[in-house]
Amino acid sequence: MACAFAPPVESQLDVQLLDPISEGQRRTRLKDVVVLCANCHRLAHSVEPLLGVEGLRRVVQAED
């Protein structure tokens, strides 16, 4: 959802919670998650606070 990577197998995709679990217990709904490639998922966690999808898109576009 943040880059154009199209994995050959679904196991190369990760699910990222938009609000980290560490912020409290709650019921997670589909609108609370995004699907990212493994690289974008790691990049999202490389800074504090976590990069959201829009932030990741800006970083990915800047690298092109």
PDB file of N, CA and C in Angstrom:
ATOM      1  N   MET A   1       0.818  -1.198   0.000  1.00  0.00           N
ATOM      2  CA  MET A   1       0.000   0.000   0.000  1.00  0.00           C
ATOM      3  C   MET A   1       0.862   1.262   0.000  1.00  0.00           C
ATOM      4  N   ALA A   2       2.180   1.086   0.136  1.00  0.00           N
ATOM      5  CA  ALA A   2       3.067   2.245   0.165  1.00  0.00           C
ATOM      6  C   ALA A   2       4.000   2.298  -1.038  1.00  0.00           C
ATOM      7  N   CYS A   3       4.229   1.149  -1.682  1.00  0.00           N
ATOM      8  CA  CYS A   3       5.133   1.134  -2.836  1.00  0.00           C
ATOM      9  C   CYS A   3       4.526   0.264  -3.936  1.00  0.00           C
ATOM     10  N   ALA A   4       5.233   0.141  -5.033  1.00  0.00           N
ATOM     11  CA  ALA A   4       4.723  -0.598  -6.186  1.00  0.00           C
ATOM     12  C   ALA A   4       5.176  -2.055  -6.216  1.00  0.00           C
ATOM     13  N   PHE A   5       5.814  -2.528  -5.155  1.00  0.00           N
ATOM     14  CA  PHE A   5       6.300  -3.903  -5.126  1.00  0.00           C
ATOM     15  C   PHE A   5       5.131  -4.875  -5.249  1.00  0.00           C
ATOM     16  N   ALA A   6       5.243  -5.802  -6.185  1.00  0.00           N
ATOM     17  CA  ALA A   6       4.226  -6.848  -6.377  1.00  0.00           C
ATOM     18  C   ALA A   6       4.904  -8.188  -6.105  1.00  0.00           C
ATOM     19  N   PRO A   7       4.740  -8.725  -4.903  1.00  0.00           N
ATOM     20  CA  PRO A   7       5.468  -9.943  -4.532  1.00  0.00           C
ATOM     21  C   PRO A   7       4.977 -11.170  -5.296  1.00  0.00           C
ATOM     22  N   PRO A   8       5.904 -12.071  -5.601  1.00  0.00           N
ATOM     23  CA  PRO A   8       5.488 -13.305  -6.265  1.00  0.00           C
ATOM     24  C   PRO A   8       4.735 -14.243  -5.311  1.00  0.00           C
ATOM     25  N   VAL A   9       4.935 -14.077  -4.014  1.00  0.00           N
ATOM     26  CA  VAL A   9       4.226 -14.894  -3.013  1.00  0.00           C
ATOM     27  C   VAL A   9       3.729 -13.982  -1.891  1.00  0.00           C
ATOM     28  N   GLU A  10       2.558 -14.300  -1.350  1.00  0.00           N
ATOM     29  CA  GLU A  10       1.950 -13.457  -0.312  1.00  0.00           C
ATOM     30  C   GLU A  10       2.768 -13.400   0.970  1.00  0.00           C
ATOM     31  N   SER A  11       3.623 -14.392   1.209  1.00  0.00           N
ATOM     32  CA  SER A  11       4.406 -14.396   2.444  1.00  0.00           C
ATOM     33  C   SER A  11       5.421 -13.259   2.491  1.00  0.00           C
ATOM     34  N   GLN A  12       5.574 -12.521   1.408  1.00  0.00           N
ATOM     35  CA  GLN A  12       6.473 -11.375   1.388  1.00  0.00           C
ATOM     36  C   GLN A  12       5.762 -10.093   1.812  1.00  0.00           C
ATOM     37  N   LEU A  13       4.524 -10.214   2.257  1.00  0.00           N
ATOM     38  CA  LEU A  13       3.755  -9.058   2.711  1.00  0.00           C
ATOM     39  C   LEU A  13       3.594  -9.098   4.225  1.00  0.00           C
ATOM     40  N   ASP A  14       3.590  -7.923   4.843  1.00  0.00           N
ATOM     41  CA  ASP A  14       3.413  -7.785   6.283  1.00  0.00           C
ATOM     42  C   ASP A  14       2.185  -6.930   6.552  1.00  0.00           C
ATOM     43  N   VAL A  15       1.601  -7.116   7.716  1.00  0.00           N
ATOM     44  CA  VAL A  15       0.481  -6.289   8.151  1.00  0.00           C
ATOM     45  C   VAL A  15       0.989  -5.336   9.217  1.00  0.00           C
ATOM     46  N   GLN A  16       0.729  -4.055   9.038  1.00  0.00           N
ATOM     47  CA  GLN A  16       1.165  -3.012   9.968  1.00  0.00           C
ATOM     48  C   GLN A  16      -0.053  -2.407  10.653  1.00  0.00           C
ATOM     49  N   LEU A  17      -0.052  -2.399  11.966  1.00  0.00           N
ATOM     50  CA  LEU A  17      -1.109  -1.718  12.711  1.00  0.00           C
ATOM     51  C   LEU A  17      -0.893  -0.216  12.624  1.00  0.00           C
ATOM     52  N   LEU A  18      -1.924   0.540  12.341  1.00  0.00           N
ATOM     53  CA  LEU A  18      -1.800   1.994  12.256  1.00  0.00           C
ATOM     54  C   LEU A  18      -1.574   2.618  13.627  1.00  0.00           C
ATOM     55  N   ASP A  19      -2.134   2.030  14.665  1.00  0.00           N
ATOM     56  CA  ASP A  19      -1.901   2.460  16.043  1.00  0.00           C
ATOM     57  C   ASP A  19      -1.236   1.305  16.765  1.00  0.00           C
ATOM     58  N   PRO A  20       0.013   1.467  17.177  1.00  0.00           N
ATOM     59  CA  PRO A  20       0.738   0.363  17.803  1.00  0.00           C
ATOM     60  C   PRO A  20       0.001  -0.222  19.010  1.00  0.00           C
ATOM     61  N   ILE A  21       0.117  -1.516  19.181  1.00  0.00           N
ATOM     62  CA  ILE A  21      -0.508  -2.195  20.318  1.00  0.00           C
ATOM     63  C   ILE A  21      -0.002  -1.609  21.632  1.00  0.00           C
ATOM     64  N   SER A  22       1.219  -1.136  21.643  1.00  0.00           N
ATOM     65  CA  SER A  22       1.789  -0.584  22.876  1.00  0.00           C
ATOM     66  C   SER A  22       0.999   0.618  23.393  1.00  0.00           C
ATOM     67  N   GLU A  23       0.151   1.197  22.545  1.00  0.00           N
ATOM     68  CA  GLU A  23      -0.651   2.350  22.968  1.00  0.00           C
ATOM     69  C   GLU A  23      -1.921   1.933  23.701  1.00  0.00           C
ATOM     70  N   GLY A  24      -2.098   0.628  23.950  1.00  0.00           N
ATOM     71  CA  GLY A  24      -3.255   0.159  24.704  1.00  0.00           C
ATOM     72  C   GLY A  24      -3.972  -0.973  24.019  1.00  0.00           C
ATOM     73  N   GLN A  25      -4.698  -1.733  24.792  1.00  0.00           N
ATOM     74  CA  GLN A  25      -5.431  -2.870  24.267  1.00  0.00           C
ATOM     75  C   GLN A  25      -6.733  -2.395  23.625  1.00  0.00           C
ATOM     76  N   ARG A  26      -7.061  -2.978  22.493  1.00  0.00           N
ATOM     77  CA  ARG A  26      -8.288  -2.611  21.795  1.00  0.00           C
ATOM     78  C   ARG A  26      -8.636  -3.694  20.787  1.00  0.00           C
ATOM     79  N   ARG A  27      -9.793  -3.591  20.211  1.00  0.00           N
ATOM     80  CA  ARG A  27     -10.212  -4.505  19.148  1.00  0.00           C
ATOM     81  C   ARG A  27      -9.690  -3.947  17.825  1.00  0.00           C
ATOM     82  N   THR A  28      -8.987  -4.770  17.064  1.00  0.00           N
ATOM     83  CA  THR A  28      -8.422  -4.335  15.782  1.00  0.00           C
ATOM     84  C   THR A  28      -9.403  -4.662  14.663  1.00  0.00           C
ATOM     85  N   ARG A  29      -9.656  -3.661  13.818  1.00  0.00           N
ATOM     86  CA  ARG A  29     -10.527  -3.824  12.654  1.00  0.00           C
ATOM     87  C   ARG A  29      -9.696  -3.685  11.384  1.00  0.00           C
ATOM     88  N   LEU A  30     -10.249  -4.086  10.250  1.00  0.00           N
ATOM     89  CA  LEU A  30      -9.509  -3.993   8.994  1.00  0.00           C
ATOM     90  C   LEU A  30      -9.056  -2.574   8.691  1.00  0.00           C
ATOM     91  N   LYS A  31      -9.864  -1.582   9.068  1.00  0.00           N
ATOM     92  CA  LYS A  31      -9.468  -0.197   8.782  1.00  0.00           C
ATOM     93  C   LYS A  31      -8.307   0.261   9.661  1.00  0.00           C
ATOM     94  N   ASP A  32      -7.904  -0.568  10.633  1.00  0.00           N
ATOM     95  CA  ASP A  32      -6.805  -0.232  11.543  1.00  0.00           C
ATOM     96  C   ASP A  32      -5.460  -0.783  11.080  1.00  0.00           C
ATOM     97  N   VAL A  33      -5.435  -1.450   9.925  1.00  0.00           N
ATOM     98  CA  VAL A  33      -4.196  -2.062   9.440  1.00  0.00           C
ATOM     99  C   VAL A  33      -3.940  -1.693   7.983  1.00  0.00           C
ATOM    100  N   VAL A  34      -2.681  -1.778   7.590  1.00  0.00           N
ATOM    101  CA  VAL A  34      -2.283  -1.623   6.191  1.00  0.00           C
ATOM    102  C   VAL A  34      -1.360  -2.786   5.836  1.00  0.00           C
ATOM    103  N   VAL A  35      -1.293  -3.117   4.561  1.00  0.00           N
ATOM    104  CA  VAL A  35      -0.421  -4.182   4.079  1.00  0.00           C
ATOM    105  C   VAL A  35       0.800  -3.531   3.441  1.00  0.00           C
ATOM    106  N   LEU A  36       1.970  -3.969   3.884  1.00  0.00           N
ATOM    107  CA  LEU A  36       3.229  -3.407   3.390  1.00  0.00           C
ATOM    108  C   LEU A  36       4.164  -4.521   2.956  1.00  0.00           C
ATOM    109  N   CYS A  37       5.046  -4.213   2.015  1.00  0.00           N
ATOM    110  CA  CYS A  37       6.118  -5.158   1.713  1.00  0.00           C
ATOM    111  C   CYS A  37       7.059  -5.168   2.920  1.00  0.00           C
ATOM    112  N   ALA A  38       7.883  -6.182   3.021  1.00  0.00           N
ATOM    113  CA  ALA A  38       8.776  -6.306   4.170  1.00  0.00           C
ATOM    114  C   ALA A  38       9.707  -5.099   4.298  1.00  0.00           C
ATOM    115  N   ASN A  39      10.182  -4.565   3.178  1.00  0.00           N
ATOM    116  CA  ASN A  39      11.086  -3.410   3.237  1.00  0.00           C
ATOM    117  C   ASN A  39      10.376  -2.170   3.780  1.00  0.00           C
ATOM    118  N   CYS A  40       9.174  -1.899   3.303  1.00  0.00           N
ATOM    119  CA  CYS A  40       8.425  -0.741   3.798  1.00  0.00           C
ATOM    120  C   CYS A  40       8.075  -0.914   5.272  1.00  0.00           C
ATOM    121  N   HIS A  41       7.765  -2.142   5.681  1.00  0.00           N
ATOM    122  CA  HIS A  41       7.441  -2.399   7.082  1.00  0.00           C
ATOM    123  C   HIS A  41       8.640  -2.074   7.974  1.00  0.00           C
ATOM    124  N   ARG A  42       9.815  -2.501   7.562  1.00  0.00           N
ATOM    125  CA  ARG A  42      11.028  -2.194   8.339  1.00  0.00           C
ATOM    126  C   ARG A  42      11.300  -0.698   8.345  1.00  0.00           C
ATOM    127  N   LEU A  43      11.115  -0.060   7.211  1.00  0.00           N
ATOM    128  CA  LEU A  43      11.317   1.380   7.116  1.00  0.00           C
ATOM    129  C   LEU A  43      10.349   2.126   8.028  1.00  0.00           C
ATOM    130  N   ALA A  44       9.116   1.682   8.092  1.00  0.00           N
ATOM    131  CA  ALA A  44       8.118   2.320   8.955  1.00  0.00           C
ATOM    132  C   ALA A  44       8.563   2.302  10.407  1.00  0.00           C
ATOM    133  N   HIS A  45       9.235   1.233  10.819  1.00  0.00           N
ATOM    134  CA  HIS A  45       9.682   1.082  12.201  1.00  0.00           C
ATOM    135  C   HIS A  45      11.062   1.690  12.447  1.00  0.00           C
ATOM    136  N   SER A  46      11.679   2.286  11.441  1.00  0.00           N
ATOM    137  CA  SER A  46      13.039   2.801  11.599  1.00  0.00           C
ATOM    138  C   SER A  46      13.094   4.159  12.283  1.00  0.00           C
ATOM    139  N   VAL A  47      11.953   4.795  12.459  1.00  0.00           N
ATOM    140  CA  VAL A  47      11.908   6.114  13.100  1.00  0.00           C
ATOM    141  C   VAL A  47      10.798   6.122  14.145  1.00  0.00           C
ATOM    142  N   GLU A  48      10.869   7.090  15.035  1.00  0.00           N
ATOM    143  CA  GLU A  48       9.841   7.260  16.063  1.00  0.00           C
ATOM    144  C   GLU A  48       9.269   8.656  15.929  1.00  0.00           C
ATOM    145  N   PRO A  49       7.992   8.868  15.769  1.00  0.00           N
ATOM    146  CA  PRO A  49       6.943   7.855  15.686  1.00  0.00           C
ATOM    147  C   PRO A  49       7.008   7.112  14.361  1.00  0.00           C
ATOM    148  N   LEU A  50       6.304   5.997  14.286  1.00  0.00           N
ATOM    149  CA  LEU A  50       6.298   5.178  13.086  1.00  0.00           C
ATOM    150  C   LEU A  50       5.867   5.988  11.870  1.00  0.00           C
ATOM    151  N   LEU A  51       6.471   5.673  10.732  1.00  0.00           N
ATOM    152  CA  LEU A  51       6.038   6.298   9.483  1.00  0.00           C
ATOM    153  C   LEU A  51       4.714   5.687   9.047  1.00  0.00           C
ATOM    154  N   GLY A  52       3.780   6.509   8.656  1.00  0.00           N
ATOM    155  CA  GLY A  52       2.518   6.034   8.106  1.00  0.00           C
ATOM    156  C   GLY A  52       2.660   5.780   6.622  1.00  0.00           C
ATOM    157  N   VAL A  53       1.600   5.371   5.994  1.00  0.00           N
ATOM    158  CA  VAL A  53       1.625   5.050   4.564  1.00  0.00           C
ATOM    159  C   VAL A  53       2.037   6.273   3.748  1.00  0.00           C
ATOM    160  N   GLU A  54       1.489   7.439   4.056  1.00  0.00           N
ATOM    161  CA  GLU A  54       1.841   8.644   3.284  1.00  0.00           C
ATOM    162  C   GLU A  54       3.323   8.985   3.447  1.00  0.00           C
ATOM    163  N   GLY A  55       3.843   8.867   4.642  1.00  0.00           N
ATOM    164  CA  GLY A  55       5.269   9.113   4.881  1.00  0.00           C
ATOM    165  C   GLY A  55       6.133   8.130   4.124  1.00  0.00           C
ATOM    166  N   LEU A  56       5.721   6.879   4.120  1.00  0.00           N
ATOM    167  CA  LEU A  56       6.466   5.871   3.369  1.00  0.00           C
ATOM    168  C   LEU A  56       6.425   6.176   1.870  1.00  0.00           C
ATOM    169  N   ARG A  57       5.288   6.576   1.373  1.00  0.00           N
ATOM    170  CA  ARG A  57       5.184   6.903  -0.060  1.00  0.00           C
ATOM    171  C   ARG A  57       6.122   8.043  -0.430  1.00  0.00           C
ATOM    172  N   ARG A  58       6.217   9.054   0.438  1.00  0.00           N
ATOM    173  CA  ARG A  58       7.145  10.162   0.161  1.00  0.00           C
ATOM    174  C   ARG A  58       8.587   9.680   0.113  1.00  0.00           C
ATOM    175  N   VAL A  59       8.974   8.799   1.033  1.00  0.00           N
ATOM    176  CA  VAL A  59      10.333   8.279   1.055  1.00  0.00           C
ATOM    177  C   VAL A  59      10.596   7.442  -0.191  1.00  0.00           C
ATOM    178  N   VAL A  60       9.674   6.581  -0.544  1.00  0.00           N
ATOM    179  CA  VAL A  60       9.839   5.717  -1.715  1.00  0.00           C
ATOM    180  C   VAL A  60       9.919   6.558  -2.982  1.00  0.00           C
ATOM    181  N   GLN A  61       9.094   7.583  -3.117  1.00  0.00           N
ATOM    182  CA  GLN A  61       9.114   8.440  -4.307  1.00  0.00           C
ATOM    183  C   GLN A  61      10.428   9.217  -4.386  1.00  0.00           C
ATOM    184  N   ALA A  62      10.964   9.624  -3.247  1.00  0.00           N
ATOM    185  CA  ALA A  62      12.207  10.374  -3.240  1.00  0.00           C
ATOM    186  C   ALA A  62      13.377   9.516  -3.704  1.00  0.00           C
ATOM    187  N   GLU A  63      13.268   8.190  -3.517  1.00  0.00           N
ATOM    188  CA  GLU A  63      14.342   7.287  -3.923  1.00  0.00           C
ATOM    189  C   GLU A  63      14.294   6.962  -5.408  1.00  0.00           C
ATOM    190  N   ASP A  64      13.161   7.197  -6.067  1.00  0.00           N
ATOM    191  CA  ASP A  64      13.033   6.881  -7.514  1.00  0.00           C
ATOM    192  C   ASP A  64      13.782   7.844  -8.378  1.00  0.00           C
TER     193      ASP A  64
END
